[in-house]
Amino acid sequence: MINLIEGKTSQNFSNKWRNIFAIFLLFTAGGSWFLYEVQESGFEFSGYILGEKLNNVVIQESSESLVGGDIAFEHEPIVVPVLDVSSTSFDLGSLGADCVLVKDSETGATLLNKNEYNTHPIASITKLMTALTLLEYKIDWNTTTTVIGPDSYGTHMYAGDVYTFEELWNSMLIASSNKAALSLVESINGTEEEFVVRMNERAGELGLSDTYFTDVTGIEETNVSTASDVLILLTEALRYPKIQETVIKKEYNLYSQEREKGHHMWNTDWLILDDPNPWIYNSFDKVVGGKTGHITVAGFNFTVKVEKDGHIIDIVVLGANNNEARFTEARDIGEWVFNNYTWITK
């Protein structure tokens, strides 16, 4: 009689050893490949160190300093603002502005704030988004167009004047000309309404969840934002040299061939003006760029980046009581921050 059980057992035993041998070969081949790749990549296995540098992060492993084979990541040093122990608090009640915010530009740390998430009409700060959206188009800045817009939009230029796109761009961001903004948009895009749709789309892309635009000039009170959103908008706008280099020009001159008359414009940002003395005395080393805004319901708005001792802070003042106050309050809170915070390396 044939012992079927014994034969089956013998067969299972053989298959078991074949499987073990196959697994052994697989691990041997995999291990050989791994060691080859490690050697080729420049890693050194001496029992102490892995010294490869990945994206400016040095990975090290030392049996002397680390237990259990953990990997230590040496991050790049960062400089952070720390409030001085001896600092005195800033009296936010002394400010006439409705909303105030100061942040460290490098880390995004909030250094001073008042109603930073309150919705507020932003007036001509709107033109920062108008400028950002215009730069999405391929523009020949030497192209000329005819100015449009009612007299209520300001007197820097008149309907019927002919200027280049470059002249209108400068007038829009330096003197905050409403006619320049409207004329540019309608010449390049076709209609203001379609352009505003894209402005709101761009706001969403930037995460400006409390910001909404209804026109390209900011003249309508329905153009609203928060101090928090305004700082994001300012930061994004100043990333573009075409915008940043324009908003820090102290003055600009136009000449109307049609009226045979020139027109001089000062920048609406008084922090950068000094003719011959500073219009607003301050201790900042540099004004990186800023934008003003004003309509009756909004009060006087201002947002700016300033630098001192190599550190940059971002400032927003919304709803100040008068034109000069928006600059003096921005200066006062900015100087308080620089005087009461120390930037340390961590």
C-alpha atoms as a PDB file:
ATOM      1  CA  MET A   1       0.000   0.000   0.000  1.00  0.00           C
ATOM      2  CA  ILE A   2       1.215   3.401  -0.859  1.00  0.00           C
ATOM      3  CA  ASN A   3       1.551   5.776   2.089  1.00  0.00           C
ATOM      4  CA  LEU A   4      -0.093   8.900   0.634  1.00  0.00           C
ATOM      5  CA  ILE A   5       0.207  10.838   3.854  1.00  0.00           C
ATOM      6  CA  GLU A   6       3.961  10.259   4.063  1.00  0.00           C
ATOM      7  CA  GLY A   7       4.433  11.317   0.424  1.00  0.00           C
ATOM      8  CA  LYS A   8       2.474  14.475   0.954  1.00  0.00           C
ATOM      9  CA  THR A   9       4.442  15.298   4.072  1.00  0.00           C
ATOM     10  CA  SER A  10       7.717  14.771   2.254  1.00  0.00           C
ATOM     11  CA  GLN A  11       6.567  16.989  -0.579  1.00  0.00           C
ATOM     12  CA  ASN A  12       5.524  19.766   1.809  1.00  0.00           C
ATOM     13  CA  PHE A  13       8.883  19.536   3.531  1.00  0.00           C
ATOM     14  CA  SER A  14      10.719  19.980   0.189  1.00  0.00           C
ATOM     15  CA  ASN A  15       8.537  22.911  -0.812  1.00  0.00           C
ATOM     16  CA  LYS A  16       9.181  24.555   2.533  1.00  0.00           C
ATOM     17  CA  TRP A  17      12.943  24.479   2.052  1.00  0.00           C
ATOM     18  CA  ARG A  18      12.625  25.705  -1.522  1.00  0.00           C
ATOM     19  CA  ASN A  19      10.638  28.713  -0.282  1.00  0.00           C
ATOM     20  CA  ILE A  20      13.187  29.469   2.428  1.00  0.00           C
ATOM     21  CA  PHE A  21      16.007  29.291  -0.100  1.00  0.00           C
ATOM     22  CA  ALA A  22      14.155  31.603  -2.518  1.00  0.00           C
ATOM     23  CA  ILE A  23      13.575  34.168   0.226  1.00  0.00           C
ATOM     24  CA  PHE A  24      17.259  33.980   1.179  1.00  0.00           C
ATOM     25  CA  LEU A  25      18.296  34.674  -2.422  1.00  0.00           C
ATOM     26  CA  LEU A  26      15.854  37.592  -2.623  1.00  0.00           C
ATOM     27  CA  PHE A  27      17.207  39.265   0.520  1.00  0.00           C
ATOM     28  CA  THR A  28      20.805  38.667  -0.584  1.00  0.00           C
ATOM     29  CA  ALA A  29      20.189  40.317  -3.952  1.00  0.00           C
ATOM     30  CA  GLY A  30      18.287  43.227  -2.369  1.00  0.00           C
ATOM     31  CA  GLY A  31      20.988  43.821   0.210  1.00  0.00           C
ATOM     32  CA  SER A  32      23.721  43.821  -2.427  1.00  0.00           C
ATOM     33  CA  TRP A  33      21.789  46.361  -4.511  1.00  0.00           C
ATOM     34  CA  PHE A  34      21.200  48.602  -1.479  1.00  0.00           C
ATOM     35  CA  LEU A  35      24.892  48.611  -0.496  1.00  0.00           C
ATOM     36  CA  TYR A  36      25.857  49.447  -4.073  1.00  0.00           C
ATOM     37  CA  GLU A  37      23.427  52.379  -4.235  1.00  0.00           C
ATOM     38  CA  VAL A  38      24.608  53.712  -0.884  1.00  0.00           C
ATOM     39  CA  GLN A  39      28.222  53.575  -1.994  1.00  0.00           C
ATOM     40  CA  GLU A  40      27.432  55.306  -5.290  1.00  0.00           C
ATOM     41  CA  SER A  41      25.438  58.086  -3.587  1.00  0.00           C
ATOM     42  CA  GLY A  42      28.380  59.151  -1.451  1.00  0.00           C
ATOM     43  CA  PHE A  43      27.042  58.134   1.936  1.00  0.00           C
ATOM     44  CA  GLU A  44      29.583  56.888   4.382  1.00  0.00           C
ATOM     45  CA  PHE A  45      28.795  53.976   6.703  1.00  0.00           C
ATOM     46  CA  SER A  46      31.471  54.051   9.362  1.00  0.00           C
ATOM     47  CA  GLY A  47      29.116  53.501  12.282  1.00  0.00           C
ATOM     48  CA  TYR A  48      29.084  57.219  13.047  1.00  0.00           C
ATOM     49  CA  ILE A  49      27.931  59.549  10.315  1.00  0.00           C
ATOM     50  CA  LEU A  50      25.646  60.080   7.386  1.00  0.00           C
ATOM     51  CA  GLY A  51      26.931  63.302   5.906  1.00  0.00           C
ATOM     52  CA  GLU A  52      24.847  63.933   2.814  1.00  0.00           C
ATOM     53  CA  LYS A  53      23.373  67.441   2.505  1.00  0.00           C
ATOM     54  CA  LEU A  54      19.806  67.517   1.236  1.00  0.00           C
ATOM     55  CA  ASN A  55      18.248  70.858   0.280  1.00  0.00           C
ATOM     56  CA  ASN A  56      20.409  72.780   2.755  1.00  0.00           C
ATOM     57  CA  VAL A  57      19.505  70.343   5.575  1.00  0.00           C
ATOM     58  CA  VAL A  58      22.428  68.365   6.947  1.00  0.00           C
ATOM     59  CA  ILE A  59      21.462  64.881   8.131  1.00  0.00           C
ATOM     60  CA  GLN A  60      23.749  63.442  10.781  1.00  0.00           C
ATOM     61  CA  GLU A  61      23.701  60.278  12.863  1.00  0.00           C
ATOM     62  CA  SER A  62      26.176  59.719  15.647  1.00  0.00           C
ATOM     63  CA  SER A  63      26.351  56.747  17.991  1.00  0.00           C
ATOM     64  CA  GLU A  64      27.922  59.060  20.550  1.00  0.00           C
ATOM     65  CA  SER A  65      25.220  61.737  20.653  1.00  0.00           C
ATOM     66  CA  LEU A  66      22.086  59.901  19.531  1.00  0.00           C
ATOM     67  CA  VAL A  67      20.488  56.856  21.077  1.00  0.00           C
ATOM     68  CA  GLY A  68      18.518  54.381  19.020  1.00  0.00           C
ATOM     69  CA  GLY A  69      19.794  55.486  15.619  1.00  0.00           C
ATOM     70  CA  ASP A  70      17.662  58.652  15.363  1.00  0.00           C
ATOM     71  CA  ILE A  71      18.518  61.200  12.676  1.00  0.00           C
ATOM     72  CA  ALA A  72      19.197  64.803  13.695  1.00  0.00           C
ATOM     73  CA  PHE A  73      18.158  67.577  11.307  1.00  0.00           C
ATOM     74  CA  GLU A  74      20.193  70.783  11.553  1.00  0.00           C
ATOM     75  CA  HIS A  75      17.797  73.523  10.354  1.00  0.00           C
ATOM     76  CA  GLU A  76      18.930  76.846   8.975  1.00  0.00           C
ATOM     77  CA  PRO A  77      19.008  79.518  11.716  1.00  0.00           C
ATOM     78  CA  ILE A  78      16.002  81.851  11.740  1.00  0.00           C
ATOM     79  CA  VAL A  79      15.778  85.357  13.159  1.00  0.00           C
ATOM     80  CA  VAL A  80      12.669  86.018  15.230  1.00  0.00           C
ATOM     81  CA  PRO A  81      11.402  89.142  17.036  1.00  0.00           C
ATOM     82  CA  VAL A  82      11.165  88.821  20.824  1.00  0.00           C
ATOM     83  CA  LEU A  83       9.455  91.401  23.020  1.00  0.00           C
ATOM     84  CA  ASP A  84      11.912  92.950  25.468  1.00  0.00           C
ATOM     85  CA  VAL A  85      11.279  92.204  29.133  1.00  0.00           C
ATOM     86  CA  SER A  86      11.632  95.892  29.961  1.00  0.00           C
ATOM     87  CA  SER A  87       9.229  97.018  27.210  1.00  0.00           C
ATOM     88  CA  THR A  88       6.223  99.182  27.942  1.00  0.00           C
ATOM     89  CA  SER A  89       2.894  98.307  26.324  1.00  0.00           C
ATOM     90  CA  PHE A  90       1.597 100.431  23.465  1.00  0.00           C
ATOM     91  CA  ASP A  91      -1.615 102.316  24.214  1.00  0.00           C
ATOM     92  CA  LEU A  92      -3.837 101.223  21.326  1.00  0.00           C
ATOM     93  CA  GLY A  93      -6.559 103.491  22.692  1.00  0.00           C
ATOM     94  CA  SER A  94      -4.442 106.481  21.701  1.00  0.00           C
ATOM     95  CA  LEU A  95      -4.906 105.620  18.030  1.00  0.00           C
ATOM     96  CA  GLY A  96      -7.759 107.092  16.049  1.00  0.00           C
ATOM     97  CA  ALA A  97      -7.616 104.307  13.462  1.00  0.00           C
ATOM     98  CA  ASP A  98     -10.295 101.628  13.565  1.00  0.00           C
ATOM     99  CA  CYS A  99      -7.989  98.753  12.630  1.00  0.00           C
ATOM    100  CA  VAL A 100      -4.241  98.366  13.107  1.00  0.00           C
ATOM    101  CA  LEU A 101      -1.820  95.538  12.455  1.00  0.00           C
ATOM    102  CA  VAL A 102       1.964  95.146  12.562  1.00  0.00           C
ATOM    103  CA  LYS A 103       3.720  91.925  11.566  1.00  0.00           C
ATOM    104  CA  ASP A 104       7.294  90.790  11.182  1.00  0.00           C
ATOM    105  CA  SER A 105       7.817  90.402   7.450  1.00  0.00           C
ATOM    106  CA  GLU A 106      10.196  87.437   7.715  1.00  0.00           C
ATOM    107  CA  THR A 107       8.296  85.204  10.146  1.00  0.00           C
ATOM    108  CA  GLY A 108       4.759  86.566   9.894  1.00  0.00           C
ATOM    109  CA  ALA A 109       4.654  87.009  13.671  1.00  0.00           C
ATOM    110  CA  THR A 110       2.015  89.479  14.878  1.00  0.00           C
ATOM    111  CA  LEU A 111       3.700  92.256  16.854  1.00  0.00           C
ATOM    112  CA  LEU A 112       0.788  94.634  17.462  1.00  0.00           C
ATOM    113  CA  ASN A 113      -2.877  94.492  16.496  1.00  0.00           C
ATOM    114  CA  LYS A 114      -6.262  96.115  16.914  1.00  0.00           C
ATOM    115  CA  ASN A 115      -9.357  94.721  15.183  1.00  0.00           C
ATOM    116  CA  GLU A 116      -7.227  92.966  12.580  1.00  0.00           C
ATOM    117  CA  TYR A 117     -10.128  90.812  11.353  1.00  0.00           C
ATOM    118  CA  ASN A 118     -12.774  93.545  11.202  1.00  0.00           C
ATOM    119  CA  THR A 119     -14.078  94.217   7.691  1.00  0.00           C
ATOM    120  CA  HIS A 120     -13.395  97.765   6.502  1.00  0.00           C
ATOM    121  CA  PRO A 121     -13.656  99.698   3.205  1.00  0.00           C
ATOM    122  CA  ILE A 122     -10.126  99.935   1.800  1.00  0.00           C
ATOM    123  CA  ALA A 123     -10.619 102.617  -0.888  1.00  0.00           C
ATOM    124  CA  SER A 124      -7.571 103.017  -3.162  1.00  0.00           C
ATOM    125  CA  ILE A 125      -5.622 100.189  -1.538  1.00  0.00           C
ATOM    126  CA  THR A 126      -7.812  98.339  -4.048  1.00  0.00           C
ATOM    127  CA  LYS A 127      -5.374  99.510  -6.737  1.00  0.00           C
ATOM    128  CA  LEU A 128      -2.779  97.025  -5.497  1.00  0.00           C
ATOM    129  CA  MET A 129      -5.045  94.224  -6.702  1.00  0.00           C
ATOM    130  CA  THR A 130      -5.790  96.170  -9.886  1.00  0.00           C
ATOM    131  CA  ALA A 131      -2.044  96.349 -10.534  1.00  0.00           C
ATOM    132  CA  LEU A 132      -1.516  92.652  -9.762  1.00  0.00           C
ATOM    133  CA  THR A 133      -4.286  91.664 -12.150  1.00  0.00           C
ATOM    134  CA  LEU A 134      -3.020  93.962 -14.910  1.00  0.00           C
ATOM    135  CA  LEU A 135       0.358  92.226 -14.758  1.00  0.00           C
ATOM    136  CA  GLU A 136      -1.329  88.989 -15.805  1.00  0.00           C
ATOM    137  CA  TYR A 137      -1.670  90.537 -19.268  1.00  0.00           C
ATOM    138  CA  LYS A 138       1.082  90.915 -21.845  1.00  0.00           C
ATOM    139  CA  ILE A 139       1.221  94.693 -22.072  1.00  0.00           C
ATOM    140  CA  ASP A 140       3.099  96.986 -24.438  1.00  0.00           C
ATOM    141  CA  TRP A 141       3.651  99.886 -22.067  1.00  0.00           C
ATOM    142  CA  ASN A 142       4.329 102.305 -24.937  1.00  0.00           C
ATOM    143  CA  THR A 143       0.798 101.880 -26.286  1.00  0.00           C
ATOM    144  CA  THR A 144      -1.323 105.022 -26.007  1.00  0.00           C
ATOM    145  CA  THR A 145      -4.969 105.335 -25.027  1.00  0.00           C
ATOM    146  CA  THR A 146      -7.511 108.050 -24.347  1.00  0.00           C
ATOM    147  CA  VAL A 147      -8.422 108.865 -20.758  1.00  0.00           C
ATOM    148  CA  ILE A 148     -11.986 108.128 -19.650  1.00  0.00           C
ATOM    149  CA  GLY A 149     -13.842 108.759 -16.415  1.00  0.00           C
ATOM    150  CA  PRO A 150     -15.997 111.468 -14.818  1.00  0.00           C
ATOM    151  CA  ASP A 151     -14.569 114.605 -13.213  1.00  0.00           C
ATOM    152  CA  SER A 152     -15.492 113.162  -9.815  1.00  0.00           C
ATOM    153  CA  TYR A 153     -12.676 110.654 -10.329  1.00  0.00           C
ATOM    154  CA  GLY A 154     -10.083 113.383  -9.703  1.00  0.00           C
ATOM    155  CA  THR A 155      -8.178 116.120 -11.498  1.00  0.00           C
ATOM    156  CA  HIS A 156      -4.787 114.548 -12.201  1.00  0.00           C
ATOM    157  CA  MET A 157      -5.903 114.061 -15.805  1.00  0.00           C
ATOM    158  CA  TYR A 158      -8.944 114.798 -17.909  1.00  0.00           C
ATOM    159  CA  ALA A 159     -11.168 112.745 -20.173  1.00  0.00           C
ATOM    160  CA  GLY A 160      -9.862 113.057 -23.715  1.00  0.00           C
ATOM    161  CA  ASP A 161      -6.189 113.321 -22.741  1.00  0.00           C
ATOM    162  CA  VAL A 162      -3.974 110.747 -24.460  1.00  0.00           C
ATOM    163  CA  TYR A 163      -1.244 108.978 -22.478  1.00  0.00           C
ATOM    164  CA  THR A 164       0.815 105.809 -22.711  1.00  0.00           C
ATOM    165  CA  PHE A 165      -0.005 102.782 -20.596  1.00  0.00           C
ATOM    166  CA  GLU A 166       3.233 103.469 -18.705  1.00  0.00           C
ATOM    167  CA  GLU A 167       2.109 106.997 -17.841  1.00  0.00           C
ATOM    168  CA  LEU A 168      -1.263 105.730 -16.671  1.00  0.00           C
ATOM    169  CA  TRP A 169       0.390 102.977 -14.599  1.00  0.00           C
ATOM    170  CA  ASN A 170       2.578 105.510 -12.799  1.00  0.00           C
ATOM    171  CA  SER A 171      -0.331 107.882 -12.242  1.00  0.00           C
ATOM    172  CA  MET A 172      -2.433 105.052 -10.798  1.00  0.00           C
ATOM    173  CA  LEU A 173       0.144 103.894  -8.236  1.00  0.00           C
ATOM    174  CA  ILE A 174       1.991 107.132  -7.427  1.00  0.00           C
ATOM    175  CA  ALA A 175      -0.833 109.682  -7.366  1.00  0.00           C
ATOM    176  CA  SER A 176      -3.607 107.076  -6.959  1.00  0.00           C
ATOM    177  CA  SER A 177      -5.434 108.372 -10.041  1.00  0.00           C
ATOM    178  CA  ASN A 178      -8.853 106.782 -10.494  1.00  0.00           C
ATOM    179  CA  LYS A 179      -9.099 107.806 -14.140  1.00  0.00           C
ATOM    180  CA  ALA A 180      -5.728 106.219 -14.835  1.00  0.00           C
ATOM    181  CA  ALA A 181      -6.848 102.920 -13.289  1.00  0.00           C
ATOM    182  CA  LEU A 182     -10.152 102.833 -15.172  1.00  0.00           C
ATOM    183  CA  SER A 183      -8.580 103.887 -18.487  1.00  0.00           C
ATOM    184  CA  LEU A 184      -5.881 101.221 -18.226  1.00  0.00           C
ATOM    185  CA  VAL A 185      -8.302  98.437 -17.379  1.00  0.00           C
ATOM    186  CA  GLU A 186     -10.840  99.226 -20.089  1.00  0.00           C
ATOM    187  CA  SER A 187      -8.133  99.668 -22.731  1.00  0.00           C
ATOM    188  CA  ILE A 188      -6.447  96.360 -21.886  1.00  0.00           C
ATOM    189  CA  ASN A 189      -9.329  94.126 -20.799  1.00  0.00           C
ATOM    190  CA  GLY A 190     -12.424  95.620 -22.397  1.00  0.00           C
ATOM    191  CA  THR A 191     -14.779  96.011 -19.453  1.00  0.00           C
ATOM    192  CA  GLU A 192     -14.303  96.872 -15.811  1.00  0.00           C
ATOM    193  CA  GLU A 193     -16.903  94.302 -14.767  1.00  0.00           C
ATOM    194  CA  GLU A 194     -15.003  91.355 -16.287  1.00  0.00           C
ATOM    195  CA  PHE A 195     -11.756  92.622 -14.821  1.00  0.00           C
ATOM    196  CA  VAL A 196     -13.256  92.818 -11.315  1.00  0.00           C
ATOM    197  CA  VAL A 197     -14.321  89.176 -11.593  1.00  0.00           C
ATOM    198  CA  ARG A 198     -10.677  88.241 -12.093  1.00  0.00           C
ATOM    199  CA  MET A 199      -9.626  90.494  -9.183  1.00  0.00           C
ATOM    200  CA  ASN A 200     -11.915  88.541  -6.873  1.00  0.00           C
ATOM    201  CA  GLU A 201     -10.655  85.239  -8.243  1.00  0.00           C
ATOM    202  CA  ARG A 202      -7.095  86.365  -7.532  1.00  0.00           C
ATOM    203  CA  ALA A 203      -8.120  87.363  -4.009  1.00  0.00           C
ATOM    204  CA  GLY A 204      -9.408  83.844  -3.452  1.00  0.00           C
ATOM    205  CA  GLU A 205      -6.183  82.343  -4.781  1.00  0.00           C
ATOM    206  CA  LEU A 206      -4.224  84.420  -2.257  1.00  0.00           C
ATOM    207  CA  GLY A 207      -6.446  83.314   0.614  1.00  0.00           C
ATOM    208  CA  LEU A 208      -8.022  86.738   1.134  1.00  0.00           C
ATOM    209  CA  SER A 209     -11.193  85.275   2.590  1.00  0.00           C
ATOM    210  CA  ASP A 210     -12.556  88.590   3.904  1.00  0.00           C
ATOM    211  CA  THR A 211     -11.788  90.678   0.820  1.00  0.00           C
ATOM    212  CA  TYR A 212     -14.194  91.658  -1.957  1.00  0.00           C
ATOM    213  CA  PHE A 213     -13.863  94.075  -4.874  1.00  0.00           C
ATOM    214  CA  THR A 214     -16.582  95.843  -6.863  1.00  0.00           C
ATOM    215  CA  ASP A 215     -14.536  98.286  -8.958  1.00  0.00           C
ATOM    216  CA  VAL A 216     -10.914  98.828 -10.013  1.00  0.00           C
ATOM    217  CA  THR A 217     -10.369 102.188  -8.312  1.00  0.00           C
ATOM    218  CA  GLY A 218     -11.628 101.636  -4.764  1.00  0.00           C
ATOM    219  CA  ILE A 219     -14.014 104.554  -5.016  1.00  0.00           C
ATOM    220  CA  GLU A 220     -16.981 102.403  -3.982  1.00  0.00           C
ATOM    221  CA  GLU A 221     -17.412 101.589  -0.286  1.00  0.00           C
ATOM    222  CA  THR A 222     -18.176  97.975  -1.216  1.00  0.00           C
ATOM    223  CA  ASN A 223     -14.482  97.315  -1.831  1.00  0.00           C
ATOM    224  CA  VAL A 224     -13.745  95.783   1.564  1.00  0.00           C
ATOM    225  CA  SER A 225     -11.025  93.850   3.343  1.00  0.00           C
ATOM    226  CA  THR A 226      -9.411  93.392   6.756  1.00  0.00           C
ATOM    227  CA  ALA A 227      -6.055  94.521   8.112  1.00  0.00           C
ATOM    228  CA  SER A 228      -4.974  90.882   8.047  1.00  0.00           C
ATOM    229  CA  ASP A 229      -5.890  90.450   4.370  1.00  0.00           C
ATOM    230  CA  VAL A 230      -4.418  93.815   3.389  1.00  0.00           C
ATOM    231  CA  LEU A 231      -0.980  92.732   4.616  1.00  0.00           C
ATOM    232  CA  ILE A 232      -1.157  89.619   2.452  1.00  0.00           C
ATOM    233  CA  LEU A 233      -2.149  91.763  -0.531  1.00  0.00           C
ATOM    234  CA  LEU A 234       0.674  94.247   0.090  1.00  0.00           C
ATOM    235  CA  THR A 235       3.255  91.483   0.434  1.00  0.00           C
ATOM    236  CA  GLU A 236       2.140  89.830  -2.803  1.00  0.00           C
ATOM    237  CA  ALA A 237       2.086  93.129  -4.709  1.00  0.00           C
ATOM    238  CA  LEU A 238       5.574  94.174  -3.608  1.00  0.00           C
ATOM    239  CA  ARG A 239       6.985  90.856  -4.848  1.00  0.00           C
ATOM    240  CA  TYR A 240       6.626  92.324  -8.356  1.00  0.00           C
ATOM    241  CA  PRO A 241       9.382  94.825  -9.245  1.00  0.00           C
ATOM    242  CA  LYS A 242       7.024  96.649 -11.629  1.00  0.00           C
ATOM    243  CA  ILE A 243       4.814  97.505  -8.654  1.00  0.00           C
ATOM    244  CA  GLN A 244       7.446  97.938  -5.931  1.00  0.00           C
ATOM    245  CA  GLU A 245       9.637 100.242  -8.004  1.00  0.00           C
ATOM    246  CA  THR A 246       6.649 102.405  -8.921  1.00  0.00           C
ATOM    247  CA  VAL A 247       5.105 102.905  -5.479  1.00  0.00           C
ATOM    248  CA  ILE A 248       8.349 104.324  -4.058  1.00  0.00           C
ATOM    249  CA  LYS A 249       8.719 107.055  -6.707  1.00  0.00           C
ATOM    250  CA  LYS A 250       8.371 110.360  -4.898  1.00  0.00           C
ATOM    251  CA  GLU A 251       6.792 112.289  -7.751  1.00  0.00           C
ATOM    252  CA  TYR A 252       5.712 112.086 -11.359  1.00  0.00           C
ATOM    253  CA  ASN A 253       5.086 114.508 -14.216  1.00  0.00           C
ATOM    254  CA  LEU A 254       2.566 114.285 -17.032  1.00  0.00           C
ATOM    255  CA  TYR A 255       2.182 116.458 -20.088  1.00  0.00           C
ATOM    256  CA  SER A 256      -1.088 116.680 -22.011  1.00  0.00           C
ATOM    257  CA  GLN A 257      -0.548 117.320 -25.714  1.00  0.00           C
ATOM    258  CA  GLU A 258      -4.264 117.974 -26.098  1.00  0.00           C
ATOM    259  CA  ARG A 259      -4.347 120.719 -23.477  1.00  0.00           C
ATOM    260  CA  GLU A 260      -0.695 121.712 -23.911  1.00  0.00           C
ATOM    261  CA  LYS A 261      -0.337 121.620 -20.175  1.00  0.00           C
ATOM    262  CA  GLY A 262       1.873 119.763 -17.723  1.00  0.00           C
ATOM    263  CA  HIS A 263       0.818 118.271 -14.418  1.00  0.00           C
ATOM    264  CA  HIS A 264       3.003 117.422 -11.412  1.00  0.00           C
ATOM    265  CA  MET A 265       1.986 114.712  -8.940  1.00  0.00           C
ATOM    266  CA  TRP A 266       3.401 113.890  -5.514  1.00  0.00           C
ATOM    267  CA  ASN A 267       3.262 110.352  -4.187  1.00  0.00           C
ATOM    268  CA  THR A 268       0.323 109.971  -1.803  1.00  0.00           C
ATOM    269  CA  ASP A 269       2.643 108.126   0.629  1.00  0.00           C
ATOM    270  CA  TRP A 270       4.014 110.917   2.800  1.00  0.00           C
ATOM    271  CA  LEU A 271       6.546 108.657   4.523  1.00  0.00           C
ATOM    272  CA  ILE A 272       8.783 108.766   1.446  1.00  0.00           C
ATOM    273  CA  LEU A 273       8.529 112.519   0.787  1.00  0.00           C
ATOM    274  CA  ASP A 274      11.217 114.999   1.804  1.00  0.00           C
ATOM    275  CA  ASP A 275      11.072 118.319  -0.029  1.00  0.00           C
ATOM    276  CA  PRO A 276      13.496 119.339   1.377  1.00  0.00           C
ATOM    277  CA  ASN A 277      12.639 118.063   4.871  1.00  0.00           C
ATOM    278  CA  PRO A 278      10.704 114.867   5.622  1.00  0.00           C
ATOM    279  CA  TRP A 279       6.972 115.384   5.423  1.00  0.00           C
ATOM    280  CA  ILE A 280       6.621 112.835   8.243  1.00  0.00           C
ATOM    281  CA  TYR A 281       9.695 112.588  10.467  1.00  0.00           C
ATOM    282  CA  ASN A 282      10.584 108.983  11.239  1.00  0.00           C
ATOM    283  CA  SER A 283      13.547 106.799  12.203  1.00  0.00           C
ATOM    284  CA  PHE A 284      13.085 104.108   9.551  1.00  0.00           C
ATOM    285  CA  ASP A 285      16.062 103.262   7.369  1.00  0.00           C
ATOM    286  CA  LYS A 286      13.918 102.533   4.333  1.00  0.00           C
ATOM    287  CA  VAL A 287      10.358 102.497   3.088  1.00  0.00           C
ATOM    288  CA  VAL A 288      10.050  99.357   0.958  1.00  0.00           C
ATOM    289  CA  GLY A 289       6.675 100.323  -0.460  1.00  0.00           C
ATOM    290  CA  GLY A 290       3.123 101.182   0.474  1.00  0.00           C
ATOM    291  CA  LYS A 291      -0.310 102.346  -0.661  1.00  0.00           C
ATOM    292  CA  THR A 292      -2.880 104.806   0.605  1.00  0.00           C
ATOM    293  CA  GLY A 293      -6.650 104.871   0.321  1.00  0.00           C
ATOM    294  CA  HIS A 294      -9.404 107.308   1.226  1.00  0.00           C
ATOM    295  CA  ILE A 295     -13.117 107.738   0.758  1.00  0.00           C
ATOM    296  CA  THR A 296     -15.424 109.398   3.266  1.00  0.00           C
ATOM    297  CA  VAL A 297     -16.923 106.218   4.719  1.00  0.00           C
ATOM    298  CA  ALA A 298     -13.511 104.523   5.024  1.00  0.00           C
ATOM    299  CA  GLY A 299     -11.580 107.317   6.658  1.00  0.00           C
ATOM    300  CA  PHE A 300      -7.875 107.394   5.862  1.00  0.00           C
ATOM    301  CA  ASN A 301      -6.123 104.098   5.131  1.00  0.00           C
ATOM    302  CA  PHE A 302      -2.462 103.225   4.737  1.00  0.00           C
ATOM    303  CA  THR A 303      -0.380 100.074   4.432  1.00  0.00           C
ATOM    304  CA  VAL A 304       3.413  99.990   4.203  1.00  0.00           C
ATOM    305  CA  LYS A 305       6.551  97.906   4.610  1.00  0.00           C
ATOM    306  CA  VAL A 306       9.423  99.621   6.434  1.00  0.00           C
ATOM    307  CA  GLU A 307      12.941  98.526   7.305  1.00  0.00           C
ATOM    308  CA  LYS A 308      15.307  99.299  10.167  1.00  0.00           C
ATOM    309  CA  ASP A 309      18.595  97.633  11.122  1.00  0.00           C
ATOM    310  CA  GLY A 310      18.024  94.971   8.491  1.00  0.00           C
ATOM    311  CA  HIS A 311      14.566  93.975   9.742  1.00  0.00           C
ATOM    312  CA  ILE A 312      11.322  94.602   7.852  1.00  0.00           C
ATOM    313  CA  ILE A 313       7.881  94.990   9.371  1.00  0.00           C
ATOM    314  CA  ASP A 314       4.487  95.284   7.678  1.00  0.00           C
ATOM    315  CA  ILE A 315       2.009  97.898   8.891  1.00  0.00           C
ATOM    316  CA  VAL A 316      -1.689  98.521   8.244  1.00  0.00           C
ATOM    317  CA  VAL A 317      -3.730 101.483   9.469  1.00  0.00           C
ATOM    318  CA  LEU A 318      -7.400 101.552   8.457  1.00  0.00           C
ATOM    319  CA  GLY A 319      -9.834 104.337   9.299  1.00  0.00           C
ATOM    320  CA  ALA A 320      -7.520 107.032  10.660  1.00  0.00           C
ATOM    321  CA  ASN A 321      -9.135 110.389  11.403  1.00  0.00           C
ATOM    322  CA  ASN A 322      -7.286 112.487   8.832  1.00  0.00           C
ATOM    323  CA  ASN A 323      -4.675 112.351   6.095  1.00  0.00           C
ATOM    324  CA  GLU A 324      -1.652 113.089   8.276  1.00  0.00           C
ATOM    325  CA  ALA A 325      -2.815 110.820  11.115  1.00  0.00           C
ATOM    326  CA  ARG A 326      -2.604 107.660   9.013  1.00  0.00           C
ATOM    327  CA  PHE A 327       1.107 108.315   8.502  1.00  0.00           C
ATOM    328  CA  THR A 328       1.939 109.460  12.030  1.00  0.00           C
ATOM    329  CA  GLU A 329       0.078 106.506  13.543  1.00  0.00           C
ATOM    330  CA  ALA A 330       1.837 104.096  11.187  1.00  0.00           C
ATOM    331  CA  ARG A 331       5.140 105.705  12.148  1.00  0.00           C
ATOM    332  CA  ASP A 332       4.386 105.602  15.879  1.00  0.00           C
ATOM    333  CA  ILE A 333       3.446 101.926  15.987  1.00  0.00           C
ATOM    334  CA  GLY A 334       6.338 101.026  13.691  1.00  0.00           C
ATOM    335  CA  GLU A 335       8.885 102.854  15.822  1.00  0.00           C
ATOM    336  CA  TRP A 336       7.417 101.334  18.993  1.00  0.00           C
ATOM    337  CA  VAL A 337       7.906  97.852  17.539  1.00  0.00           C
ATOM    338  CA  PHE A 338      11.518  98.514  16.562  1.00  0.00           C
ATOM    339  CA  ASN A 339      12.224 100.025  19.993  1.00  0.00           C
ATOM    340  CA  ASN A 340      10.591  97.236  21.999  1.00  0.00           C
ATOM    341  CA  TYR A 341      11.423  94.086  20.061  1.00  0.00           C
ATOM    342  CA  THR A 342      14.821  92.455  19.664  1.00  0.00           C
ATOM    343  CA  TRP A 343      15.479  90.136  16.739  1.00  0.00           C
ATOM    344  CA  ILE A 344      17.371  87.045  17.893  1.00  0.00           C
ATOM    345  CA  THR A 345      18.689  83.998  16.050  1.00  0.00           C
ATOM    346  CA  LYS A 346      17.218  80.605  16.891  1.00  0.00           C
END
